[in-house]
Amino acid sequence: MSTASIRTKRATIAAAAALFAAPLFAGCAASAVPAADVEAQISQVIEGETGNAPDGVSCPEDLPGEEGAEMTCEITVDGTTVDATITVTSADGSDVNFDVLVDQLPAGEGEE
């Protein structure tokens, strides 16, 4: 089982992506949390917190079940897509805990 926490700096997504903790199944080997599970959990928790599901959540790969592992997913709300950094905060057997930090700017903005 995995636990996710989400934090945001983006005003329009702040309500949708408030700090949360929720279970996620990492599978038997706990070597990684499937991307589809990470996406579904983020969407489910945002919907539970706000009453509205995001338009979409997309993660490029499975989340490694190793403390400190990171990946970037995209969350779309009201047609605006923002990057979200997923960071594994701890991993113990099949328990993988991770934080989600939603960027302040829409995906791709502010990059040089």
PDB file of N, CA and C in Angstrom:
ATOM      1  N   MET A   1       0.839  -1.164   0.000  1.00  0.00           N
ATOM      2  CA  MET A   1       0.000   0.000   0.000  1.00  0.00           C
ATOM      3  C   MET A   1       0.889   1.233   0.000  1.00  0.00           C
ATOM      4  N   SER A   2       0.477   2.286  -0.693  1.00  0.00           N
ATOM      5  CA  SER A   2       1.235   3.518  -0.773  1.00  0.00           C
ATOM      6  C   SER A   2       0.404   4.662  -0.254  1.00  0.00           C
ATOM      7  N   THR A   3       1.070   5.717   0.147  1.00  0.00           N
ATOM      8  CA  THR A   3       0.384   6.904   0.614  1.00  0.00           C
ATOM      9  C   THR A   3       0.905   8.084  -0.176  1.00  0.00           C
ATOM     10  N   ALA A   4      -0.002   8.943  -0.592  1.00  0.00           N
ATOM     11  CA  ALA A   4       0.372  10.112  -1.367  1.00  0.00           C
ATOM     12  C   ALA A   4       0.038  11.371  -0.588  1.00  0.00           C
ATOM     13  N   SER A   5       0.889  12.361  -0.698  1.00  0.00           N
ATOM     14  CA  SER A   5       0.621  13.690  -0.161  1.00  0.00           C
ATOM     15  C   SER A   5       0.785  14.656  -1.312  1.00  0.00           C
ATOM     16  N   ILE A   6      -0.088  15.647  -1.386  1.00  0.00           N
ATOM     17  CA  ILE A   6       0.001  16.604  -2.488  1.00  0.00           C
ATOM     18  C   ILE A   6       0.021  18.022  -1.929  1.00  0.00           C
ATOM     19  N   ARG A   7       0.910  18.848  -2.496  1.00  0.00           N
ATOM     20  CA  ARG A   7       1.007  20.254  -2.133  1.00  0.00           C
ATOM     21  C   ARG A   7       0.974  21.058  -3.413  1.00  0.00           C
ATOM     22  N   THR A   8       0.490  22.287  -3.336  1.00  0.00           N
ATOM     23  CA  THR A   8       0.426  23.109  -4.531  1.00  0.00           C
ATOM     24  C   THR A   8       0.777  24.553  -4.236  1.00  0.00           C
ATOM     25  N   LYS A   9       1.237  25.241  -5.274  1.00  0.00           N
ATOM     26  CA  LYS A   9       1.480  26.671  -5.197  1.00  0.00           C
ATOM     27  C   LYS A   9       0.588  27.402  -6.194  1.00  0.00           C
ATOM     28  N   ARG A  10      -0.217  26.693  -6.968  1.00  0.00           N
ATOM     29  CA  ARG A  10      -1.020  27.297  -8.018  1.00  0.00           C
ATOM     30  C   ARG A  10      -2.394  27.661  -7.476  1.00  0.00           C
ATOM     31  N   ALA A  11      -2.754  28.934  -7.553  1.00  0.00           N
ATOM     32  CA  ALA A  11      -3.998  29.424  -6.964  1.00  0.00           C
ATOM     33  C   ALA A  11      -5.227  28.716  -7.523  1.00  0.00           C
ATOM     34  N   THR A  12      -5.330  28.544  -8.837  1.00  0.00           N
ATOM     35  CA  THR A  12      -6.531  27.964  -9.411  1.00  0.00           C
ATOM     36  C   THR A  12      -6.644  26.469  -9.151  1.00  0.00           C
ATOM     37  N   ILE A  13      -5.533  25.833  -8.804  1.00  0.00           N
ATOM     38  CA  ILE A  13      -5.571  24.404  -8.531  1.00  0.00           C
ATOM     39  C   ILE A  13      -5.435  24.143  -7.039  1.00  0.00           C
ATOM     40  N   ALA A  14      -5.195  25.174  -6.258  1.00  0.00           N
ATOM     41  CA  ALA A  14      -4.949  24.988  -4.832  1.00  0.00           C
ATOM     42  C   ALA A  14      -6.059  24.200  -4.164  1.00  0.00           C
ATOM     43  N   ALA A  15      -7.292  24.530  -4.440  1.00  0.00           N
ATOM     44  CA  ALA A  15      -8.402  23.806  -3.815  1.00  0.00           C
ATOM     45  C   ALA A  15      -8.461  22.371  -4.303  1.00  0.00           C
ATOM     46  N   ALA A  16      -8.137  22.170  -5.562  1.00  0.00           N
ATOM     47  CA  ALA A  16      -8.207  20.837  -6.141  1.00  0.00           C
ATOM     48  C   ALA A  16      -7.041  19.961  -5.713  1.00  0.00           C
ATOM     49  N   ALA A  17      -5.937  20.566  -5.381  1.00  0.00           N
ATOM     50  CA  ALA A  17      -4.735  19.791  -5.079  1.00  0.00           C
ATOM     51  C   ALA A  17      -4.204  20.131  -3.692  1.00  0.00           C
ATOM     52  N   ALA A  18      -5.070  20.098  -2.731  1.00  0.00           N
ATOM     53  CA  ALA A  18      -4.673  20.383  -1.353  1.00  0.00           C
ATOM     54  C   ALA A  18      -3.831  19.227  -0.813  1.00  0.00           C
ATOM     55  N   LEU A  19      -3.147  19.460   0.288  1.00  0.00           N
ATOM     56  CA  LEU A  19      -2.342  18.424   0.925  1.00  0.00           C
ATOM     57  C   LEU A  19      -3.236  17.234   1.259  1.00  0.00           C
ATOM     58  N   PHE A  20      -2.816  16.047   0.861  1.00  0.00           N
ATOM     59  CA  PHE A  20      -3.611  14.869   1.164  1.00  0.00           C
ATOM     60  C   PHE A  20      -2.733  13.667   1.404  1.00  0.00           C
ATOM     61  N   ALA A  21      -3.315  12.688   2.052  1.00  0.00           N
ATOM     62  CA  ALA A  21      -2.674  11.384   2.221  1.00  0.00           C
ATOM     63  C   ALA A  21      -3.710  10.342   1.863  1.00  0.00           C
ATOM     64  N   ALA A  22      -3.326   9.418   0.994  1.00  0.00           N
ATOM     65  CA  ALA A  22      -4.273   8.407   0.547  1.00  0.00           C
ATOM     66  C   ALA A  22      -3.524   7.134   0.185  1.00  0.00           C
ATOM     67  N   PRO A  23      -4.173   5.977   0.338  1.00  0.00           N
ATOM     68  CA  PRO A  23      -3.494   4.718   0.034  1.00  0.00           C
ATOM     69  C   PRO A  23      -3.367   4.453  -1.457  1.00  0.00           C
ATOM     70  N   LEU A  24      -2.290   3.791  -1.822  1.00  0.00           N
ATOM     71  CA  LEU A  24      -2.046   3.338  -3.191  1.00  0.00           C
ATOM     72  C   LEU A  24      -1.403   1.967  -3.120  1.00  0.00           C
ATOM     73  N   PHE A  25      -1.780   1.065  -3.990  1.00  0.00           N
ATOM     74  CA  PHE A  25      -1.157  -0.253  -4.010  1.00  0.00           C
ATOM     75  C   PHE A  25       0.056  -0.229  -4.912  1.00  0.00           C
ATOM     76  N   ALA A  26       1.177  -0.666  -4.391  1.00  0.00           N
ATOM     77  CA  ALA A  26       2.416  -0.677  -5.158  1.00  0.00           C
ATOM     78  C   ALA A  26       2.669  -2.032  -5.796  1.00  0.00           C
ATOM     79  N   GLY A  27       1.874  -3.007  -5.501  1.00  0.00           N
ATOM     80  CA  GLY A  27       2.064  -4.341  -6.051  1.00  0.00           C
ATOM     81  C   GLY A  27       2.872  -5.208  -5.118  1.00  0.00           C
ATOM     82  N   CYS A  28       3.045  -6.433  -5.489  1.00  0.00           N
ATOM     83  CA  CYS A  28       3.711  -7.401  -4.629  1.00  0.00           C
ATOM     84  C   CYS A  28       5.184  -7.065  -4.381  1.00  0.00           C
ATOM     85  N   ALA A  29       5.899  -6.726  -5.437  1.00  0.00           N
ATOM     86  CA  ALA A  29       7.330  -6.532  -5.295  1.00  0.00           C
ATOM     87  C   ALA A  29       7.691  -5.165  -4.740  1.00  0.00           C
ATOM     88  N   ALA A  30       6.781  -4.216  -4.801  1.00  0.00           N
ATOM     89  CA  ALA A  30       7.012  -2.859  -4.320  1.00  0.00           C
ATOM     90  C   ALA A  30       8.201  -2.202  -4.999  1.00  0.00           C
ATOM     91  N   SER A  31       8.587  -2.726  -6.160  1.00  0.00           N
ATOM     92  CA  SER A  31       9.682  -2.102  -6.880  1.00  0.00           C
ATOM     93  C   SER A  31       9.220  -0.814  -7.547  1.00  0.00           C
ATOM     94  N   ALA A  32       7.928  -0.692  -7.809  1.00  0.00           N
ATOM     95  CA  ALA A  32       7.392   0.506  -8.443  1.00  0.00           C
ATOM     96  C   ALA A  32       5.880   0.556  -8.260  1.00  0.00           C
ATOM     97  N   VAL A  33       5.349   1.783  -8.253  1.00  0.00           N
ATOM     98  CA  VAL A  33       3.904   1.993  -8.244  1.00  0.00           C
ATOM     99  C   VAL A  33       3.516   2.258  -9.695  1.00  0.00           C
ATOM    100  N   PRO A  34       2.625   1.460 -10.270  1.00  0.00           N
ATOM    101  CA  PRO A  34       2.243   1.669 -11.669  1.00  0.00           C
ATOM    102  C   PRO A  34       1.749   3.094 -11.915  1.00  0.00           C
ATOM    103  N   ALA A  35       2.162   3.675 -13.033  1.00  0.00           N
ATOM    104  CA  ALA A  35       1.766   5.041 -13.382  1.00  0.00           C
ATOM    105  C   ALA A  35       0.252   5.200 -13.343  1.00  0.00           C
ATOM    106  N   ALA A  36      -0.470   4.212 -13.833  1.00  0.00           N
ATOM    107  CA  ALA A  36      -1.933   4.293 -13.842  1.00  0.00           C
ATOM    108  C   ALA A  36      -2.492   4.400 -12.426  1.00  0.00           C
ATOM    109  N   ASP A  37      -1.854   3.733 -11.462  1.00  0.00           N
ATOM    110  CA  ASP A  37      -2.304   3.817 -10.067  1.00  0.00           C
ATOM    111  C   ASP A  37      -2.026   5.193  -9.481  1.00  0.00           C
ATOM    112  N   VAL A  38      -0.861   5.761  -9.797  1.00  0.00           N
ATOM    113  CA  VAL A  38      -0.525   7.106  -9.326  1.00  0.00           C
ATOM    114  C   VAL A  38      -1.527   8.102  -9.899  1.00  0.00           C
ATOM    115  N   GLU A  39      -1.788   8.016 -11.201  1.00  0.00           N
ATOM    116  CA  GLU A  39      -2.735   8.910 -11.864  1.00  0.00           C
ATOM    117  C   GLU A  39      -4.122   8.792 -11.256  1.00  0.00           C
ATOM    118  N   ALA A  40      -4.590   7.576 -11.072  1.00  0.00           N
ATOM    119  CA  ALA A  40      -5.930   7.350 -10.524  1.00  0.00           C
ATOM    120  C   ALA A  40      -6.044   7.883  -9.101  1.00  0.00           C
ATOM    121  N   GLN A  41      -5.004   7.669  -8.294  1.00  0.00           N
ATOM    122  CA  GLN A  41      -5.040   8.125  -6.907  1.00  0.00           C
ATOM    123  C   GLN A  41      -5.067   9.645  -6.821  1.00  0.00           C
ATOM    124  N   ILE A  42      -4.234  10.304  -7.617  1.00  0.00           N
ATOM    125  CA  ILE A  42      -4.231  11.766  -7.621  1.00  0.00           C
ATOM    126  C   ILE A  42      -5.606  12.281  -8.016  1.00  0.00           C
ATOM    127  N   SER A  43      -6.164  11.740  -9.080  1.00  0.00           N
ATOM    128  CA  SER A  43      -7.485  12.159  -9.555  1.00  0.00           C
ATOM    129  C   SER A  43      -8.560  11.918  -8.499  1.00  0.00           C
ATOM    130  N   GLN A  44      -8.537  10.739  -7.900  1.00  0.00           N
ATOM    131  CA  GLN A  44      -9.535  10.369  -6.897  1.00  0.00           C
ATOM    132  C   GLN A  44      -9.487  11.283  -5.678  1.00  0.00           C
ATOM    133  N   VAL A  45      -8.304  11.584  -5.208  1.00  0.00           N
ATOM    134  CA  VAL A  45      -8.172  12.423  -4.021  1.00  0.00           C
ATOM    135  C   VAL A  45      -8.580  13.861  -4.325  1.00  0.00           C
ATOM    136  N   ILE A  46      -8.187  14.383  -5.486  1.00  0.00           N
ATOM    137  CA  ILE A  46      -8.607  15.733  -5.859  1.00  0.00           C
ATOM    138  C   ILE A  46     -10.126  15.801  -5.923  1.00  0.00           C
ATOM    139  N   GLU A  47     -10.747  14.793  -6.532  1.00  0.00           N
ATOM    140  CA  GLU A  47     -12.206  14.775  -6.613  1.00  0.00           C
ATOM    141  C   GLU A  47     -12.838  14.692  -5.225  1.00  0.00           C
ATOM    142  N   GLY A  48     -12.252  13.882  -4.347  1.00  0.00           N
ATOM    143  CA  GLY A  48     -12.777  13.760  -2.990  1.00  0.00           C
ATOM    144  C   GLY A  48     -12.669  15.050  -2.200  1.00  0.00           C
ATOM    145  N   GLU A  49     -11.588  15.796  -2.422  1.00  0.00           N
ATOM    146  CA  GLU A  49     -11.369  17.054  -1.700  1.00  0.00           C
ATOM    147  C   GLU A  49     -12.228  18.193  -2.225  1.00  0.00           C
ATOM    148  N   THR A  50     -12.478  18.206  -3.533  1.00  0.00           N
ATOM    149  CA  THR A  50     -13.148  19.359  -4.140  1.00  0.00           C
ATOM    150  C   THR A  50     -14.529  19.054  -4.705  1.00  0.00           C
ATOM    151  N   GLY A  51     -14.836  17.784  -4.894  1.00  0.00           N
ATOM    152  CA  GLY A  51     -16.096  17.425  -5.538  1.00  0.00           C
ATOM    153  C   GLY A  51     -15.991  17.422  -7.054  1.00  0.00           C
ATOM    154  N   ASN A  52     -14.822  17.789  -7.586  1.00  0.00           N
ATOM    155  CA  ASN A  52     -14.601  17.820  -9.032  1.00  0.00           C
ATOM    156  C   ASN A  52     -13.319  17.080  -9.372  1.00  0.00           C
ATOM    157  N   ALA A  53     -13.427  16.156 -10.307  1.00  0.00           N
ATOM    158  CA  ALA A  53     -12.233  15.440 -10.761  1.00  0.00           C
ATOM    159  C   ALA A  53     -11.462  16.331 -11.722  1.00  0.00           C
ATOM    160  N   PRO A  54     -10.136  16.217 -11.745  1.00  0.00           N
ATOM    161  CA  PRO A  54      -9.379  16.960 -12.760  1.00  0.00           C
ATOM    162  C   PRO A  54      -9.746  16.424 -14.138  1.00  0.00           C
ATOM    163  N   ASP A  55      -9.511  17.235 -15.164  1.00  0.00           N
ATOM    164  CA  ASP A  55      -9.780  16.796 -16.533  1.00  0.00           C
ATOM    165  C   ASP A  55      -8.899  15.608 -16.894  1.00  0.00           C
ATOM    166  N   GLY A  56      -7.703  15.573 -16.313  1.00  0.00           N
ATOM    167  CA  GLY A  56      -6.797  14.471 -16.589  1.00  0.00           C
ATOM    168  C   GLY A  56      -5.557  14.528 -15.731  1.00  0.00           C
ATOM    169  N   VAL A  57      -4.954  13.365 -15.545  1.00  0.00           N
ATOM    170  CA  VAL A  57      -3.669  13.231 -14.866  1.00  0.00           C
ATOM    171  C   VAL A  57      -2.849  12.278 -15.716  1.00  0.00           C
ATOM    172  N   SER A  58      -1.612  12.665 -16.029  1.00  0.00           N
ATOM    173  CA  SER A  58      -0.767  11.835 -16.884  1.00  0.00           C
ATOM    174  C   SER A  58       0.628  11.729 -16.291  1.00  0.00           C
ATOM    175  N   CYS A  59       1.052  10.503 -16.040  1.00  0.00           N
ATOM    176  CA  CYS A  59       2.408  10.244 -15.555  1.00  0.00           C
ATOM    177  C   CYS A  59       3.137   9.416 -16.604  1.00  0.00           C
ATOM    178  N   PRO A  60       4.407   9.733 -16.877  1.00  0.00           N
ATOM    179  CA  PRO A  60       5.125   9.105 -17.987  1.00  0.00           C
ATOM    180  C   PRO A  60       5.571   7.665 -17.748  1.00  0.00           C
ATOM    181  N   GLU A  61       5.649   7.260 -16.473  1.00  0.00           N
ATOM    182  CA  GLU A  61       6.190   5.932 -16.175  1.00  0.00           C
ATOM    183  C   GLU A  61       5.779   5.525 -14.770  1.00  0.00           C
ATOM    184  N   ASP A  62       6.091   4.303 -14.403  1.00  0.00           N
ATOM    185  CA  ASP A  62       5.844   3.839 -13.042  1.00  0.00           C
ATOM    186  C   ASP A  62       6.728   4.614 -12.072  1.00  0.00           C
ATOM    187  N   LEU A  63       6.233   4.811 -10.855  1.00  0.00           N
ATOM    188  CA  LEU A  63       6.981   5.515  -9.822  1.00  0.00           C
ATOM    189  C   LEU A  63       7.857   4.514  -9.079  1.00  0.00           C
ATOM    190  N   PRO A  64       9.177   4.662  -9.155  1.00  0.00           N
ATOM    191  CA  PRO A  64      10.062   3.728  -8.448  1.00  0.00           C
ATOM    192  C   PRO A  64       9.781   3.733  -6.947  1.00  0.00           C
ATOM    193  N   GLY A  65       9.776   2.568  -6.351  1.00  0.00           N
ATOM    194  CA  GLY A  65       9.506   2.433  -4.924  1.00  0.00           C
ATOM    195  C   GLY A  65      10.757   2.618  -4.097  1.00  0.00           C
ATOM    196  N   GLU A  66      11.485   3.688  -4.350  1.00  0.00           N
ATOM    197  CA  GLU A  66      12.730   3.984  -3.639  1.00  0.00           C
ATOM    198  C   GLU A  66      12.658   5.391  -3.071  1.00  0.00           C
ATOM    199  N   GLU A  67      13.002   5.552  -1.797  1.00  0.00           N
ATOM    200  CA  GLU A  67      12.990   6.870  -1.172  1.00  0.00           C
ATOM    201  C   GLU A  67      13.828   7.840  -1.984  1.00  0.00           C
ATOM    202  N   GLY A  68      13.265   9.028  -2.242  1.00  0.00           N
ATOM    203  CA  GLY A  68      13.957  10.053  -3.014  1.00  0.00           C
ATOM    204  C   GLY A  68      13.696  10.005  -4.505  1.00  0.00           C
ATOM    205  N   ALA A  69      13.098   8.926  -4.999  1.00  0.00           N
ATOM    206  CA  ALA A  69      12.802   8.829  -6.432  1.00  0.00           C
ATOM    207  C   ALA A  69      11.804   9.925  -6.814  1.00  0.00           C
ATOM    208  N   GLU A  70      11.994  10.498  -8.007  1.00  0.00           N
ATOM    209  CA  GLU A  70      11.115  11.568  -8.484  1.00  0.00           C
ATOM    210  C   GLU A  70      10.694  11.318  -9.919  1.00  0.00           C
ATOM    211  N   MET A  71       9.540  11.869 -10.267  1.00  0.00           N
ATOM    212  CA  MET A  71       9.100  11.930 -11.646  1.00  0.00           C
ATOM    213  C   MET A  71       8.136  13.095 -11.765  1.00  0.00           C
ATOM    214  N   THR A  72       7.889  13.527 -12.995  1.00  0.00           N
ATOM    215  CA  THR A  72       6.981  14.633 -13.241  1.00  0.00           C
ATOM    216  C   THR A  72       5.739  14.120 -13.947  1.00  0.00           C
ATOM    217  N   CYS A  73       4.575  14.449 -13.387  1.00  0.00           N
ATOM    218  CA  CYS A  73       3.289  14.126 -13.996  1.00  0.00           C
ATOM    219  C   CYS A  73       2.629  15.441 -14.401  1.00  0.00           C
ATOM    220  N   GLU A  74       1.581  15.349 -15.208  1.00  0.00           N
ATOM    221  CA  GLU A  74       0.817  16.527 -15.591  1.00  0.00           C
ATOM    222  C   GLU A  74      -0.601  16.379 -15.075  1.00  0.00           C
ATOM    223  N   ILE A  75      -1.129  17.466 -14.509  1.00  0.00           N
ATOM    224  CA  ILE A  75      -2.506  17.501 -14.029  1.00  0.00           C
ATOM    225  C   ILE A  75      -3.215  18.596 -14.806  1.00  0.00           C
ATOM    226  N   THR A  76      -4.385  18.272 -15.367  1.00  0.00           N
ATOM    227  CA  THR A  76      -5.157  19.243 -16.128  1.00  0.00           C
ATOM    228  C   THR A  76      -6.455  19.529 -15.388  1.00  0.00           C
ATOM    229  N   VAL A  77      -6.691  20.823 -15.118  1.00  0.00           N
ATOM    230  CA  VAL A  77      -7.902  21.277 -14.452  1.00  0.00           C
ATOM    231  C   VAL A  77      -8.436  22.467 -15.243  1.00  0.00           C
ATOM    232  N   ASP A  78      -9.707  22.414 -15.609  1.00  0.00           N
ATOM    233  CA  ASP A  78     -10.337  23.502 -16.368  1.00  0.00           C
ATOM    234  C   ASP A  78      -9.530  23.889 -17.595  1.00  0.00           C
ATOM    235  N   GLY A  79      -8.967  22.899 -18.276  1.00  0.00           N
ATOM    236  CA  GLY A  79      -8.233  23.138 -19.510  1.00  0.00           C
ATOM    237  C   GLY A  79      -6.805  23.630 -19.326  1.00  0.00           C
ATOM    238  N   THR A  80      -6.364  23.841 -18.086  1.00  0.00           N
ATOM    239  CA  THR A  80      -4.998  24.283 -17.818  1.00  0.00           C
ATOM    240  C   THR A  80      -4.196  23.104 -17.297  1.00  0.00           C
ATOM    241  N   THR A  81      -3.045  22.853 -17.915  1.00  0.00           N
ATOM    242  CA  THR A  81      -2.192  21.746 -17.507  1.00  0.00           C
ATOM    243  C   THR A  81      -0.993  22.281 -16.741  1.00  0.00           C
ATOM    244  N   VAL A  82      -0.733  21.677 -15.594  1.00  0.00           N
ATOM    245  CA  VAL A  82       0.431  22.044 -14.789  1.00  0.00           C
ATOM    246  C   VAL A  82       1.247  20.794 -14.512  1.00  0.00           C
ATOM    247  N   ASP A  83       2.556  20.987 -14.379  1.00  0.00           N
ATOM    248  CA  ASP A  83       3.433  19.889 -13.997  1.00  0.00           C
ATOM    249  C   ASP A  83       3.302  19.653 -12.498  1.00  0.00           C
ATOM    250  N   ALA A  84       3.482  18.419 -12.105  1.00  0.00           N
ATOM    251  CA  ALA A  84       3.474  18.051 -10.700  1.00  0.00           C
ATOM    252  C   ALA A  84       4.671  17.138 -10.463  1.00  0.00           C
ATOM    253  N   THR A  85       5.487  17.483  -9.476  1.00  0.00           N
ATOM    254  CA  THR A  85       6.655  16.675  -9.137  1.00  0.00           C
ATOM    255  C   THR A  85       6.251  15.664  -8.077  1.00  0.00           C
ATOM    256  N   ILE A  86       6.433  14.389  -8.386  1.00  0.00           N
ATOM    257  CA  ILE A  86       6.108  13.302  -7.474  1.00  0.00           C
ATOM    258  C   ILE A  86       7.422  12.853  -6.848  1.00  0.00           C
ATOM    259  N   THR A  87       7.490  12.829  -5.515  1.00  0.00           N
ATOM    260  CA  THR A  87       8.705  12.446  -4.802  1.00  0.00           C
ATOM    261  C   THR A  87       8.382  11.385  -3.764  1.00  0.00           C
ATOM    262  N   VAL A  88       9.069  10.260  -3.843  1.00  0.00           N
ATOM    263  CA  VAL A  88       8.878   9.196  -2.855  1.00  0.00           C
ATOM    264  C   VAL A  88       9.528   9.644  -1.552  1.00  0.00           C
ATOM    265  N   THR A  89       8.720   9.698  -0.480  1.00  0.00           N
ATOM    266  CA  THR A  89       9.233  10.131   0.818  1.00  0.00           C
ATOM    267  C   THR A  89       9.687   8.955   1.671  1.00  0.00           C
ATOM    268  N   SER A  90       9.113   7.782   1.436  1.00  0.00           N
ATOM    269  CA  SER A  90       9.561   6.574   2.129  1.00  0.00           C
ATOM    270  C   SER A  90       9.029   5.353   1.397  1.00  0.00           C
ATOM    271  N   ALA A  91       9.731   4.255   1.557  1.00  0.00           N
ATOM    272  CA  ALA A  91       9.320   2.987   0.964  1.00  0.00           C
ATOM    273  C   ALA A  91       9.721   1.875   1.918  1.00  0.00           C
ATOM    274  N   ASP A  92       8.764   1.032   2.250  1.00  0.00           N
ATOM    275  CA  ASP A  92       9.005  -0.071   3.176  1.00  0.00           C
ATOM    276  C   ASP A  92       8.177  -1.255   2.700  1.00  0.00           C
ATOM    277  N   GLY A  93       8.839  -2.206   2.055  1.00  0.00           N
ATOM    278  CA  GLY A  93       8.098  -3.343   1.505  1.00  0.00           C
ATOM    279  C   GLY A  93       7.126  -2.867   0.452  1.00  0.00           C
ATOM    280  N   SER A  94       5.843  -3.177   0.635  1.00  0.00           N
ATOM    281  CA  SER A  94       4.840  -2.759  -0.339  1.00  0.00           C
ATOM    282  C   SER A  94       4.241  -1.400  -0.015  1.00  0.00           C
ATOM    283  N   ASP A  95       4.735  -0.722   1.034  1.00  0.00           N
ATOM    284  CA  ASP A  95       4.261   0.618   1.381  1.00  0.00           C
ATOM    285  C   ASP A  95       5.182   1.655   0.751  1.00  0.00           C
ATOM    286  N   VAL A  96       4.619   2.478  -0.126  1.00  0.00           N
ATOM    287  CA  VAL A  96       5.373   3.542  -0.772  1.00  0.00           C
ATOM    288  C   VAL A  96       4.617   4.844  -0.517  1.00  0.00           C
ATOM    289  N   ASN A  97       5.271   5.791   0.146  1.00  0.00           N
ATOM    290  CA  ASN A  97       4.672   7.085   0.440  1.00  0.00           C
ATOM    291  C   ASN A  97       5.309   8.130  -0.454  1.00  0.00           C
ATOM    292  N   PHE A  98       4.476   9.025  -1.005  1.00  0.00           N
ATOM    293  CA  PHE A  98       5.032  10.049  -1.870  1.00  0.00           C
ATOM    294  C   PHE A  98       4.270  11.352  -1.758  1.00  0.00           C
ATOM    295  N   ASP A  99       4.980  12.446  -2.043  1.00  0.00           N
ATOM    296  CA  ASP A  99       4.402  13.782  -2.085  1.00  0.00           C
ATOM    297  C   ASP A  99       4.215  14.176  -3.537  1.00  0.00           C
ATOM    298  N   VAL A 100       3.228  15.046  -3.761  1.00  0.00           N
ATOM    299  CA  VAL A 100       3.000  15.617  -5.078  1.00  0.00           C
ATOM    300  C   VAL A 100       3.018  17.122  -4.914  1.00  0.00           C
ATOM    301  N   LEU A 101       3.936  17.791  -5.613  1.00  0.00           N
ATOM    302  CA  LEU A 101       4.023  19.241  -5.563  1.00  0.00           C
ATOM    303  C   LEU A 101       3.630  19.783  -6.928  1.00  0.00           C
ATOM    304  N   VAL A 102       2.500  20.501  -6.966  1.00  0.00           N
ATOM    305  CA  VAL A 102       1.985  21.039  -8.218  1.00  0.00           C
ATOM    306  C   VAL A 102       2.645  22.383  -8.483  1.00  0.00           C
ATOM    307  N   ASP A 103       3.199  22.550  -9.687  1.00  0.00           N
ATOM    308  CA  ASP A 103       3.871  23.791 -10.062  1.00  0.00           C
ATOM    309  C   ASP A 103       2.906  24.956 -10.104  1.00  0.00           C
ATOM    310  N   GLN A 104       3.452  26.146  -9.938  1.00  0.00           N
ATOM    311  CA  GLN A 104       2.653  27.361  -9.940  1.00  0.00           C
ATOM    312  C   GLN A 104       2.244  27.756 -11.355  1.00  0.00           C
ATOM    313  N   LEU A 105       3.121  27.534 -12.332  1.00  0.00           N
ATOM    314  CA  LEU A 105       2.864  27.945 -13.715  1.00  0.00           C
ATOM    315  C   LEU A 105       2.358  26.768 -14.533  1.00  0.00           C
ATOM    316  N   PRO A 106       1.559  27.042 -15.571  1.00  0.00           N
ATOM    317  CA  PRO A 106       1.143  25.971 -16.474  1.00  0.00           C
ATOM    318  C   PRO A 106       2.345  25.251 -17.064  1.00  0.00           C
ATOM    319  N   ALA A 107       2.169  23.997 -17.429  1.00  0.00           N
ATOM    320  CA  ALA A 107       3.254  23.176 -17.972  1.00  0.00           C
ATOM    321  C   ALA A 107       3.943  23.885 -19.127  1.00  0.00           C
ATOM    322  N   GLY A 108       5.278  23.906 -19.080  1.00  0.00           N
ATOM    323  CA  GLY A 108       6.069  24.484 -20.148  1.00  0.00           C
ATOM    324  C   GLY A 108       6.347  25.969 -20.014  1.00  0.00           C
ATOM    325  N   GLU A 109       5.595  26.692 -19.163  1.00  0.00           N
ATOM    326  CA  GLU A 109       5.843  28.123 -18.990  1.00  0.00           C
ATOM    327  C   GLU A 109       6.965  28.343 -18.000  1.00  0.00           C
ATOM    328  N   GLY A 110       7.717  29.388 -18.189  1.00  0.00           N
ATOM    329  CA  GLY A 110       8.797  29.726 -17.276  1.00  0.00           C
ATOM    330  C   GLY A 110      10.068  28.942 -17.518  1.00  0.00           C
ATOM    331  N   GLU A 111      10.059  28.056 -18.522  1.00  0.00           N
ATOM    332  CA  GLU A 111      11.255  27.299 -18.869  1.00  0.00           C
ATOM    333  C   GLU A 111      12.061  28.079 -19.880  1.00  0.00           C
ATOM    334  N   GLU A 112      13.355  27.979 -19.793  1.00  0.00           N
ATOM    335  CA  GLU A 112      14.213  28.703 -20.755  1.00  0.00           C
ATOM    336  C   GLU A 112      14.812  27.740 -21.721  1.00  0.00           C
TER     337      GLU A 112
END
